[in-house]
Amino acid sequence: MVLLLFVDLDPHLAALRPLGGFFVLRTPGAALRSLPTLAETYREPPSESQGDPLGFRVQKVAEALHAPELRIAASVAQQGLAARLWSVTLGCAALYGRIPDLDPGLLQWDPDGGAPDDLWLAEVRPLPADPATVVDVVLQGHLQPLTDAVHARYRVAAGLLWGNAGSALAGAARQLDQWAHAGGRTDAAARARALTAALFGHPFLAGTGTLTGTAFRRRSCCLYYRLPGGGVCGDCCFTRAPRSSPRAPSG
């Protein structure tokens, strides 16, 4: 029998720090300057009073990557934010046995920040780390409105964006699994694997690719290969960049 030990979420989520930048969440959420919440980021159409944080971020990514199309930058930006949300959630579930409430109104985001995306949480409120709660917090609370906004504004196929979400989840799980095994935390690795497998059973993610252990092969392409000097990612549906193709698969 394996004894699983859970600890309460500490106010600063300090256990996440050794895992690296994708897993760290700044707490409490008082940023050094006024930043939009993710609830404001997902709002369609953008709020006149709050500006357009999503549009700003996509334009920033496009300029940084010299993207020939805004939809490529939109895909990259969406996947980067998905990776942050999954990493924080999966890391807390594995190390604490609980997750923080990541209500979009509690999370501030710096659209002008670097990578990984900077996130601040206003208040650490513990929630259960079961699959149903994680679905409610991350998939429905964040990734569904983010996918809807990016799809509506940049005409990126919803299937491609959910493929990005699946790829981001698998990547977070793989990094956490490697860290946990290197540190002898087989309990954390087991929790992360079990939760990841359960999440891939959800209809939003079930068709995005094939998960084998911590390896993932997606059924869509994030469009990264269309960037100057870009290639295919490790989990891409392509084995090499289809340079002759005028359009990437829709998902």
Protein backbone atom coordinates (compact mmCIF):
# COMPACT_ATOMS: atom_id res chain seq x y z
CA MET A 1 0.00 0.00 0.00
CA VAL A 2 1.29 3.48 -0.93
CA LEU A 3 0.75 6.17 1.69
CA LEU A 4 -0.04 9.50 0.07
CA LEU A 5 0.75 12.53 2.19
CA PHE A 6 -1.01 15.80 1.43
CA VAL A 7 -0.15 19.23 2.78
CA ASP A 8 -2.13 22.44 2.77
CA LEU A 9 -1.43 25.02 0.11
CA ASP A 10 0.97 27.55 1.59
CA PRO A 11 0.29 31.25 0.87
CA HIS A 12 3.16 31.47 -1.60
CA LEU A 13 2.97 28.01 -3.21
CA ALA A 14 6.66 27.64 -2.43
CA ALA A 15 6.78 23.94 -3.33
CA LEU A 16 6.41 24.89 -7.00
CA ARG A 17 9.61 26.94 -7.16
CA PRO A 18 12.06 24.06 -7.70
CA LEU A 19 10.08 22.94 -10.76
CA GLY A 20 11.00 25.99 -12.82
CA GLY A 21 9.38 29.04 -14.37
CA PHE A 22 6.39 27.39 -16.02
CA PHE A 23 5.20 26.10 -12.63
CA VAL A 24 5.76 29.17 -10.46
CA LEU A 25 2.78 31.35 -9.60
CA ARG A 26 3.30 34.79 -8.08
CA THR A 27 1.28 35.27 -4.88
CA PRO A 28 -0.45 37.24 -3.55
CA GLY A 29 -1.68 38.83 -6.73
CA ALA A 30 -0.79 42.47 -6.09
CA ALA A 31 1.30 43.26 -9.15
CA LEU A 32 3.73 46.16 -9.24
CA ARG A 33 1.40 47.94 -11.67
CA SER A 34 -2.17 47.57 -12.78
CA LEU A 35 -2.53 44.45 -14.92
CA PRO A 36 -5.56 42.89 -16.60
CA THR A 37 -7.15 39.79 -15.20
CA LEU A 38 -7.60 36.75 -17.38
CA ALA A 39 -11.35 37.32 -17.16
CA GLU A 40 -10.76 40.65 -18.93
CA THR A 41 -8.39 39.00 -21.37
CA TYR A 42 -10.97 36.48 -22.53
CA ARG A 43 -13.77 39.03 -22.92
CA GLU A 44 -15.17 39.33 -26.42
CA PRO A 45 -15.38 41.94 -27.75
CA PRO A 46 -12.56 43.58 -25.77
CA SER A 47 -13.54 46.09 -23.12
CA GLU A 48 -12.95 49.72 -24.06
CA SER A 49 -12.09 50.58 -20.46
CA GLN A 50 -9.65 47.67 -19.96
CA GLY A 51 -8.00 47.70 -23.37
CA ASP A 52 -7.17 44.61 -25.40
CA PRO A 53 -4.64 42.43 -23.54
CA LEU A 54 -5.12 39.41 -25.84
CA GLY A 55 -4.63 41.46 -28.98
CA PHE A 56 -1.58 43.14 -27.46
CA ARG A 57 -0.03 39.77 -26.60
CA VAL A 58 -0.65 38.27 -30.03
CA GLN A 59 0.91 41.32 -31.70
CA LYS A 60 3.92 41.15 -29.36
CA VAL A 61 4.45 37.45 -30.15
CA ALA A 62 4.05 38.13 -33.87
CA GLU A 63 6.74 40.80 -33.81
CA ALA A 64 9.11 38.70 -31.68
CA LEU A 65 8.81 35.66 -33.96
CA HIS A 66 8.50 37.59 -37.25
CA ALA A 67 5.28 35.69 -37.87
CA PRO A 68 3.97 36.08 -41.42
CA GLU A 69 0.38 35.60 -40.17
CA LEU A 70 -1.27 36.75 -36.96
CA ARG A 71 -2.99 33.38 -36.58
CA ILE A 72 0.41 31.73 -36.06
CA ALA A 73 1.24 34.16 -33.26
CA ALA A 74 -2.25 33.62 -31.80
CA SER A 75 -1.65 29.86 -31.69
CA VAL A 76 1.75 30.28 -30.03
CA ALA A 77 0.38 32.76 -27.48
CA GLN A 78 -2.58 30.51 -26.63
CA GLN A 79 -0.36 27.47 -26.15
CA GLY A 80 2.03 29.42 -23.92
CA LEU A 81 -0.76 30.52 -21.61
CA ALA A 82 -2.26 27.02 -21.58
CA ALA A 83 1.13 25.60 -20.57
CA ARG A 84 1.32 27.98 -17.60
CA LEU A 85 -2.17 27.13 -16.38
CA TRP A 86 -1.62 23.38 -16.69
CA SER A 87 1.81 23.53 -15.04
CA VAL A 88 0.59 25.41 -11.98
CA THR A 89 -2.45 23.17 -11.59
CA LEU A 90 -0.67 19.88 -12.16
CA GLY A 91 2.24 20.87 -9.95
CA CYS A 92 -0.05 21.76 -7.06
CA ALA A 93 -2.10 18.60 -7.50
CA ALA A 94 1.04 16.44 -7.44
CA LEU A 95 2.90 18.19 -4.62
CA TYR A 96 0.08 19.42 -2.38
CA GLY A 97 -2.80 17.11 -3.27
CA ARG A 98 -4.87 20.26 -3.79
CA ILE A 99 -5.07 23.05 -6.33
CA PRO A 100 -5.59 26.80 -5.91
CA ASP A 101 -8.77 28.42 -7.14
CA LEU A 102 -7.64 29.93 -10.44
CA ASP A 103 -10.81 31.87 -11.09
CA PRO A 104 -10.05 34.15 -14.09
CA GLY A 105 -11.07 37.13 -11.99
CA LEU A 106 -8.35 36.30 -9.43
CA LEU A 107 -5.51 35.88 -11.91
CA GLN A 108 -3.64 38.89 -13.27
CA TRP A 109 -1.59 38.51 -16.42
CA ASP A 110 1.14 40.64 -17.95
CA PRO A 111 0.60 40.60 -21.74
CA ASP A 112 3.83 42.55 -22.17
CA GLY A 113 5.90 40.01 -20.21
CA GLY A 114 8.32 37.45 -21.52
CA ALA A 115 8.01 33.68 -21.59
CA PRO A 116 6.84 31.88 -19.53
CA ASP A 117 3.82 34.13 -19.09
CA ASP A 118 3.76 36.13 -15.84
CA LEU A 119 0.73 35.34 -13.66
CA TRP A 120 -0.25 36.77 -10.26
CA LEU A 121 -2.90 35.18 -8.03
CA ALA A 122 -4.81 37.55 -5.76
CA GLU A 123 -5.67 34.96 -3.12
CA VAL A 124 -4.76 31.30 -2.51
CA ARG A 125 -8.02 29.43 -1.93
CA PRO A 126 -7.59 25.63 -1.87
CA LEU A 127 -9.78 23.32 -3.94
CA PRO A 128 -9.78 19.52 -4.35
CA ALA A 129 -7.37 18.14 -6.95
CA ASP A 130 -9.81 15.62 -8.44
CA PRO A 131 -10.32 15.54 -12.23
CA ALA A 132 -13.81 17.07 -12.10
CA THR A 133 -12.55 20.12 -10.21
CA VAL A 134 -9.55 20.54 -12.52
CA VAL A 135 -11.86 20.34 -15.54
CA ASP A 136 -14.04 23.06 -14.02
CA VAL A 137 -11.11 25.29 -13.06
CA VAL A 138 -8.81 24.97 -16.09
CA LEU A 139 -10.70 23.53 -19.05
CA GLN A 140 -13.99 25.31 -18.56
CA GLY A 141 -12.79 28.29 -16.56
CA HIS A 142 -9.86 29.22 -18.80
CA LEU A 143 -9.18 27.17 -21.90
CA GLN A 144 -12.71 27.16 -23.26
CA PRO A 145 -13.13 30.98 -23.19
CA LEU A 146 -9.54 31.44 -24.40
CA THR A 147 -10.13 29.03 -27.29
CA ASP A 148 -13.39 30.75 -28.17
CA ALA A 149 -11.72 34.18 -28.18
CA VAL A 150 -8.72 33.14 -30.30
CA HIS A 151 -10.90 31.21 -32.73
CA ALA A 152 -13.32 34.11 -33.16
CA ARG A 153 -10.69 36.81 -33.57
CA TYR A 154 -7.91 35.06 -35.47
CA ARG A 155 -9.77 32.26 -37.26
CA VAL A 156 -7.54 29.59 -35.78
CA ALA A 157 -9.37 26.26 -35.90
CA ALA A 158 -10.80 25.15 -32.58
CA GLY A 159 -9.40 21.64 -33.10
CA LEU A 160 -5.90 23.08 -33.49
CA LEU A 161 -6.29 25.14 -30.31
CA TRP A 162 -7.51 22.15 -28.30
CA GLY A 163 -4.54 20.28 -29.72
CA ASN A 164 -2.35 23.03 -28.27
CA ALA A 165 -4.08 22.56 -24.92
CA GLY A 166 -3.46 18.80 -25.02
CA SER A 167 0.17 19.32 -25.99
CA ALA A 168 0.62 21.83 -23.16
CA LEU A 169 -0.88 19.41 -20.63
CA ALA A 170 1.31 16.54 -21.80
CA GLY A 171 4.40 18.76 -21.72
CA ALA A 172 3.70 19.89 -18.16
CA ALA A 173 3.09 16.30 -17.07
CA ARG A 174 6.31 15.12 -18.69
CA GLN A 175 8.44 17.82 -17.06
CA LEU A 176 6.86 17.18 -13.67
CA ASP A 177 7.34 13.42 -14.05
CA GLN A 178 11.04 13.85 -14.83
CA TRP A 179 11.56 16.17 -11.87
CA ALA A 180 9.66 13.89 -9.50
CA HIS A 181 11.56 10.76 -10.47
CA ALA A 182 14.91 12.56 -10.29
CA GLY A 183 14.09 13.63 -6.74
CA GLY A 184 12.66 10.33 -5.60
CA ARG A 185 9.12 11.72 -5.46
CA THR A 186 7.38 8.71 -6.97
CA ASP A 187 4.18 9.67 -5.13
CA ALA A 188 4.05 13.01 -6.95
CA ALA A 189 4.82 11.35 -10.27
CA ALA A 190 2.00 8.85 -9.75
CA ARG A 191 -0.52 11.57 -8.91
CA ALA A 192 0.47 13.64 -11.93
CA ARG A 193 0.22 10.69 -14.30
CA ALA A 194 -3.16 9.60 -12.98
CA LEU A 195 -4.62 13.10 -13.18
CA THR A 196 -3.22 13.68 -16.67
CA ALA A 197 -4.67 10.42 -17.96
CA ALA A 198 -8.07 11.28 -16.50
CA LEU A 199 -8.03 14.75 -18.07
CA PHE A 200 -7.30 13.32 -21.50
CA GLY A 201 -10.55 11.41 -21.16
CA HIS A 202 -12.53 14.66 -21.25
CA PRO A 203 -14.26 15.38 -24.60
CA PHE A 204 -12.27 18.61 -25.06
CA LEU A 205 -8.98 16.68 -25.03
CA ALA A 206 -9.86 13.10 -25.94
CA GLY A 207 -9.38 13.59 -29.67
CA THR A 208 -6.33 15.81 -29.54
CA GLY A 209 -3.72 13.04 -29.67
CA THR A 210 -2.40 9.83 -28.18
CA LEU A 211 -0.89 9.77 -24.69
CA THR A 212 1.42 6.85 -23.92
CA GLY A 213 2.87 7.18 -20.45
CA THR A 214 4.23 10.71 -20.61
CA ALA A 215 4.79 10.65 -24.38
CA PHE A 216 2.25 12.44 -26.55
CA ARG A 217 1.61 12.56 -30.28
CA ARG A 218 -0.92 15.17 -31.30
CA ARG A 219 -3.28 15.00 -34.26
CA SER A 220 -2.92 18.64 -35.25
CA CYS A 221 -0.17 21.18 -35.80
CA CYS A 222 0.39 24.39 -33.82
CA LEU A 223 1.62 26.21 -36.99
CA TYR A 224 5.11 26.80 -35.58
CA TYR A 225 6.68 25.36 -38.73
CA ARG A 226 5.29 28.32 -40.70
CA LEU A 227 7.57 30.75 -38.85
CA PRO A 228 10.87 31.81 -40.45
CA GLY A 229 13.34 29.08 -39.48
CA GLY A 230 10.62 27.13 -37.70
CA GLY A 231 10.41 23.35 -37.68
CA VAL A 232 8.11 20.74 -36.24
CA CYS A 233 7.66 20.20 -32.52
CA GLY A 234 8.45 16.92 -30.82
CA ASP A 235 4.81 15.90 -30.57
CA CYS A 236 3.68 17.25 -33.96
CA CYS A 237 1.46 15.24 -36.29
CA PHE A 238 4.06 15.95 -38.99
CA THR A 239 7.43 14.23 -39.05
CA ARG A 240 8.87 17.07 -41.10
CA ALA A 241 7.70 20.54 -42.00
CA PRO A 242 5.33 20.46 -45.01
CA ARG A 243 6.84 23.49 -46.68
CA SER A 244 4.92 22.90 -49.88
CA SER A 245 1.56 23.06 -48.11
CA PRO A 246 -0.19 26.43 -48.46
CA ARG A 247 -2.17 25.92 -45.27
CA ALA A 248 -1.65 23.92 -42.11
CA PRO A 249 -4.26 21.34 -41.10
CA SER A 250 -7.27 22.84 -39.37
CA GLY A 251 -7.04 20.52 -36.41
